Amino acid sequence: MNFGLNDEQQEIKSTAKQFLESRFKPDVVRELAEEGRYDDALWQEICDLGWPGIA
């Protein structure tokens, strides 16, 4: 059985990594997590990309 990512999944992973790295630095992520909140604009971008429907 192959449990590795297929090409499409690998592309999604790479795109998500680049997307998030370009918008957040670790200190911002930490601050949002500690305060239990999220960035509304970022969430809208994620929804526009259709990522919530992937899971």
PDB file of N, CA and C in Angstrom:
ATOM      1  N   MET A   1       0.828  -1.184   0.000  1.00  0.00           N
ATOM      2  CA  MET A   1       0.000   0.000   0.000  1.00  0.00           C
ATOM      3  C   MET A   1       0.877   1.255   0.000  1.00  0.00           C
ATOM      4  N   ASN A   2       0.503   2.223  -0.806  1.00  0.00           N
ATOM      5  CA  ASN A   2       1.259   3.467  -0.891  1.00  0.00           C
ATOM      6  C   ASN A   2       0.534   4.554  -0.095  1.00  0.00           C
ATOM      7  N   PHE A   3       1.172   5.002   0.971  1.00  0.00           N
ATOM      8  CA  PHE A   3       0.581   6.045   1.809  1.00  0.00           C
ATOM      9  C   PHE A   3       1.160   7.425   1.517  1.00  0.00           C
ATOM     10  N   GLY A   4       1.975   7.525   0.495  1.00  0.00           N
ATOM     11  CA  GLY A   4       2.551   8.809   0.109  1.00  0.00           C
ATOM     12  C   GLY A   4       1.518   9.672  -0.610  1.00  0.00           C
ATOM     13  N   LEU A   5       1.864  10.921  -0.776  1.00  0.00           N
ATOM     14  CA  LEU A   5       0.975  11.852  -1.470  1.00  0.00           C
ATOM     15  C   LEU A   5       1.102  11.672  -2.976  1.00  0.00           C
ATOM     16  N   ASN A   6      -0.043  11.743  -3.672  1.00  0.00           N
ATOM     17  CA  ASN A   6       0.021  11.693  -5.130  1.00  0.00           C
ATOM     18  C   ASN A   6       0.417  13.081  -5.644  1.00  0.00           C
ATOM     19  N   ASP A   7       0.556  13.224  -6.941  1.00  0.00           N
ATOM     20  CA  ASP A   7       1.020  14.495  -7.513  1.00  0.00           C
ATOM     21  C   ASP A   7       0.090  15.657  -7.167  1.00  0.00           C
ATOM     22  N   GLU A   8      -1.211  15.425  -7.246  1.00  0.00           N
ATOM     23  CA  GLU A   8      -2.179  16.486  -6.944  1.00  0.00           C
ATOM     24  C   GLU A   8      -2.102  16.904  -5.474  1.00  0.00           C
ATOM     25  N   GLN A   9      -1.998  15.928  -4.584  1.00  0.00           N
ATOM     26  CA  GLN A   9      -1.887  16.229  -3.157  1.00  0.00           C
ATOM     27  C   GLN A   9      -0.582  16.955  -2.851  1.00  0.00           C
ATOM     28  N   GLN A  10       0.487  16.562  -3.519  1.00  0.00           N
ATOM     29  CA  GLN A  10       1.782  17.213  -3.328  1.00  0.00           C
ATOM     30  C   GLN A  10       1.710  18.672  -3.775  1.00  0.00           C
ATOM     31  N   GLU A  11       1.001  18.937  -4.868  1.00  0.00           N
ATOM     32  CA  GLU A  11       0.836  20.305  -5.370  1.00  0.00           C
ATOM     33  C   GLU A  11       0.036  21.151  -4.380  1.00  0.00           C
ATOM     34  N   ILE A  12      -1.028  20.587  -3.816  1.00  0.00           N
ATOM     35  CA  ILE A  12      -1.823  21.303  -2.813  1.00  0.00           C
ATOM     36  C   ILE A  12      -0.965  21.625  -1.596  1.00  0.00           C
ATOM     37  N   LYS A  13      -0.189  20.662  -1.150  1.00  0.00           N
ATOM     38  CA  LYS A  13       0.697  20.865   0.002  1.00  0.00           C
ATOM     39  C   LYS A  13       1.691  21.988  -0.270  1.00  0.00           C
ATOM     40  N   SER A  14       2.312  21.962  -1.430  1.00  0.00           N
ATOM     41  CA  SER A  14       3.297  22.975  -1.794  1.00  0.00           C
ATOM     42  C   SER A  14       2.665  24.362  -1.897  1.00  0.00           C
ATOM     43  N   THR A  15       1.505  24.431  -2.528  1.00  0.00           N
ATOM     44  CA  THR A  15       0.800  25.704  -2.681  1.00  0.00           C
ATOM     45  C   THR A  15       0.403  26.273  -1.324  1.00  0.00           C
ATOM     46  N   ALA A  16      -0.119  25.422  -0.453  1.00  0.00           N
ATOM     47  CA  ALA A  16      -0.529  25.869   0.884  1.00  0.00           C
ATOM     48  C   ALA A  16       0.670  26.386   1.672  1.00  0.00           C
ATOM     49  N   LYS A  17       1.781  25.677   1.591  1.00  0.00           N
ATOM     50  CA  LYS A  17       2.994  26.093   2.308  1.00  0.00           C
ATOM     51  C   LYS A  17       3.458  27.465   1.825  1.00  0.00           C
ATOM     52  N   GLN A  18       3.534  27.651   0.523  1.00  0.00           N
ATOM     53  CA  GLN A  18       3.967  28.937  -0.034  1.00  0.00           C
ATOM     54  C   GLN A  18       2.991  30.053   0.325  1.00  0.00           C
ATOM     55  N   PHE A  19       1.711  29.762   0.230  1.00  0.00           N
ATOM     56  CA  PHE A  19       0.662  30.735   0.541  1.00  0.00           C
ATOM     57  C   PHE A  19       0.792  31.222   1.984  1.00  0.00           C
ATOM     58  N   LEU A  20       0.886  30.290   2.919  1.00  0.00           N
ATOM     59  CA  LEU A  20       0.941  30.663   4.333  1.00  0.00           C
ATOM     60  C   LEU A  20       2.268  31.316   4.706  1.00  0.00           C
ATOM     61  N   GLU A  21       3.372  30.817   4.172  1.00  0.00           N
ATOM     62  CA  GLU A  21       4.672  31.423   4.464  1.00  0.00           C
ATOM     63  C   GLU A  21       4.755  32.859   3.960  1.00  0.00           C
ATOM     64  N   SER A  22       4.073  33.153   2.867  1.00  0.00           N
ATOM     65  CA  SER A  22       4.142  34.500   2.309  1.00  0.00           C
ATOM     66  C   SER A  22       3.304  35.499   3.106  1.00  0.00           C
ATOM     67  N   ARG A  23       2.390  35.001   3.917  1.00  0.00           N
ATOM     68  CA  ARG A  23       1.486  35.893   4.645  1.00  0.00           C
ATOM     69  C   ARG A  23       1.753  35.974   6.142  1.00  0.00           C
ATOM     70  N   PHE A  24       2.402  34.973   6.703  1.00  0.00           N
ATOM     71  CA  PHE A  24       2.590  34.950   8.152  1.00  0.00           C
ATOM     72  C   PHE A  24       4.023  34.654   8.538  1.00  0.00           C
ATOM     73  N   LYS A  25       4.488  35.377   9.501  1.00  0.00           N
ATOM     74  CA  LYS A  25       5.750  35.075  10.151  1.00  0.00           C
ATOM     75  C   LYS A  25       5.410  34.330  11.442  1.00  0.00           C
ATOM     76  N   PRO A  26       6.341  33.539  11.974  1.00  0.00           N
ATOM     77  CA  PRO A  26       6.043  32.743  13.169  1.00  0.00           C
ATOM     78  C   PRO A  26       5.476  33.543  14.343  1.00  0.00           C
ATOM     79  N   ASP A  27       5.949  34.763  14.554  1.00  0.00           N
ATOM     80  CA  ASP A  27       5.445  35.541  15.690  1.00  0.00           C
ATOM     81  C   ASP A  27       3.970  35.909  15.516  1.00  0.00           C
ATOM     82  N   VAL A  28       3.530  36.132  14.290  1.00  0.00           N
ATOM     83  CA  VAL A  28       2.120  36.446  14.028  1.00  0.00           C
ATOM     84  C   VAL A  28       1.262  35.207  14.277  1.00  0.00           C
ATOM     85  N   VAL A  29       1.725  34.056  13.818  1.00  0.00           N
ATOM     86  CA  VAL A  29       0.997  32.806  14.037  1.00  0.00           C
ATOM     87  C   VAL A  29       0.866  32.541  15.531  1.00  0.00           C
ATOM     88  N   ARG A  30       1.950  32.724  16.255  1.00  0.00           N
ATOM     89  CA  ARG A  30       1.944  32.507  17.707  1.00  0.00           C
ATOM     90  C   ARG A  30       0.943  33.435  18.385  1.00  0.00           C
ATOM     91  N   GLU A  31       0.947  34.702  18.009  1.00  0.00           N
ATOM     92  CA  GLU A  31       0.034  35.683  18.599  1.00  0.00           C
ATOM     93  C   GLU A  31      -1.425  35.308  18.337  1.00  0.00           C
ATOM     94  N   LEU A  32      -1.745  34.952  17.113  1.00  0.00           N
ATOM     95  CA  LEU A  32      -3.114  34.554  16.781  1.00  0.00           C
ATOM     96  C   LEU A  32      -3.531  33.316  17.574  1.00  0.00           C
ATOM     97  N   ALA A  33      -2.634  32.342  17.672  1.00  0.00           N
ATOM     98  CA  ALA A  33      -2.946  31.109  18.401  1.00  0.00           C
ATOM     99  C   ALA A  33      -3.153  31.380  19.886  1.00  0.00           C
ATOM    100  N   GLU A  34      -2.295  32.188  20.467  1.00  0.00           N
ATOM    101  CA  GLU A  34      -2.410  32.492  21.896  1.00  0.00           C
ATOM    102  C   GLU A  34      -3.688  33.251  22.217  1.00  0.00           C
ATOM    103  N   GLU A  35      -4.136  34.077  21.282  1.00  0.00           N
ATOM    104  CA  GLU A  35      -5.341  34.870  21.503  1.00  0.00           C
ATOM    105  C   GLU A  35      -6.604  34.141  21.043  1.00  0.00           C
ATOM    106  N   GLY A  36      -6.440  32.966  20.452  1.00  0.00           N
ATOM    107  CA  GLY A  36      -7.582  32.176  20.010  1.00  0.00           C
ATOM    108  C   GLY A  36      -8.394  32.844  18.911  1.00  0.00           C
ATOM    109  N   ARG A  37      -7.706  33.538  18.022  1.00  0.00           N
ATOM    110  CA  ARG A  37      -8.413  34.209  16.937  1.00  0.00           C
ATOM    111  C   ARG A  37      -7.743  33.885  15.606  1.00  0.00           C
ATOM    112  N   TYR A  38      -8.345  34.376  14.541  1.00  0.00           N
ATOM    113  CA  TYR A  38      -7.799  34.151  13.208  1.00  0.00           C
ATOM    114  C   TYR A  38      -7.964  35.406  12.370  1.00  0.00           C
ATOM    115  N   ASP A  39      -7.306  35.423  11.238  1.00  0.00           N
ATOM    116  CA  ASP A  39      -7.325  36.560  10.325  1.00  0.00           C
ATOM    117  C   ASP A  39      -8.485  36.380   9.339  1.00  0.00           C
ATOM    118  N   ASP A  40      -9.494  37.246   9.426  1.00  0.00           N
ATOM    119  CA  ASP A  40     -10.675  37.140   8.558  1.00  0.00           C
ATOM    120  C   ASP A  40     -10.316  37.211   7.072  1.00  0.00           C
ATOM    121  N   ALA A  41      -9.417  38.105   6.711  1.00  0.00           N
ATOM    122  CA  ALA A  41      -9.035  38.261   5.299  1.00  0.00           C
ATOM    123  C   ALA A  41      -8.344  36.995   4.788  1.00  0.00           C
ATOM    124  N   LEU A  42      -7.479  36.423   5.616  1.00  0.00           N
ATOM    125  CA  LEU A  42      -6.801  35.190   5.223  1.00  0.00           C
ATOM    126  C   LEU A  42      -7.818  34.064   5.057  1.00  0.00           C
ATOM    127  N   TRP A  43      -8.756  33.956   5.979  1.00  0.00           N
ATOM    128  CA  TRP A  43      -9.769  32.907   5.879  1.00  0.00           C
ATOM    129  C   TRP A  43     -10.567  33.066   4.581  1.00  0.00           C
ATOM    130  N   GLN A  44     -10.877  34.284   4.203  1.00  0.00           N
ATOM    131  CA  GLN A  44     -11.612  34.516   2.960  1.00  0.00           C
ATOM    132  C   GLN A  44     -10.795  34.054   1.758  1.00  0.00           C
ATOM    133  N   GLU A  45      -9.497  34.337   1.774  1.00  0.00           N
ATOM    134  CA  GLU A  45      -8.632  33.880   0.677  1.00  0.00           C
ATOM    135  C   GLU A  45      -8.615  32.358   0.601  1.00  0.00           C
ATOM    136  N   ILE A  46      -8.537  31.708   1.766  1.00  0.00           N
ATOM    137  CA  ILE A  46      -8.529  30.247   1.819  1.00  0.00           C
ATOM    138  C   ILE A  46      -9.840  29.698   1.249  1.00  0.00           C
ATOM    139  N   CYS A  47     -10.949  30.323   1.613  1.00  0.00           N
ATOM    140  CA  CYS A  47     -12.253  29.899   1.084  1.00  0.00           C
ATOM    141  C   CYS A  47     -12.327  30.110  -0.423  1.00  0.00           C
ATOM    142  N   ASP A  48     -11.785  31.228  -0.894  1.00  0.00           N
ATOM    143  CA  ASP A  48     -11.780  31.507  -2.329  1.00  0.00           C
ATOM    144  C   ASP A  48     -10.992  30.447  -3.104  1.00  0.00           C
ATOM    145  N   LEU A  49      -9.972  29.886  -2.465  1.00  0.00           N
ATOM    146  CA  LEU A  49      -9.180  28.828  -3.088  1.00  0.00           C
ATOM    147  C   LEU A  49      -9.893  27.472  -3.041  1.00  0.00           C
ATOM    148  N   GLY A  50     -10.964  27.384  -2.245  1.00  0.00           N
ATOM    149  CA  GLY A  50     -11.723  26.141  -2.145  1.00  0.00           C
ATOM    150  C   GLY A  50     -11.146  25.125  -1.188  1.00  0.00           C
ATOM    151  N   TRP A  51     -10.189  25.523  -0.371  1.00  0.00           N
ATOM    152  CA  TRP A  51      -9.534  24.572   0.518  1.00  0.00           C
ATOM    153  C   TRP A  51     -10.448  23.949   1.568  1.00  0.00           C
ATOM    154  N   PRO A  52     -11.410  24.671   2.141  1.00  0.00           N
ATOM    155  CA  PRO A  52     -12.267  24.008   3.137  1.00  0.00           C
ATOM    156  C   PRO A  52     -13.038  22.813   2.557  1.00  0.00           C
ATOM    157  N   GLY A  53     -13.320  22.831   1.279  1.00  0.00           N
ATOM    158  CA  GLY A  53     -14.044  21.731   0.652  1.00  0.00           C
ATOM    159  C   GLY A  53     -13.187  20.525   0.319  1.00  0.00           C
ATOM    160  N   ILE A  54     -11.883  20.635   0.495  1.00  0.00           N
ATOM    161  CA  ILE A  54     -10.977  19.534   0.158  1.00  0.00           C
ATOM    162  C   ILE A  54     -11.089  18.398   1.169  1.00  0.00           C
ATOM    163  N   ALA A  55     -11.245  18.744   2.426  1.00  0.00           N
ATOM    164  CA  ALA A  55     -11.204  17.733   3.497  1.00  0.00           C
ATOM    165  C   ALA A  55     -12.324  16.736   3.427  1.00  0.00           C
TER     166      ALA A  55
END
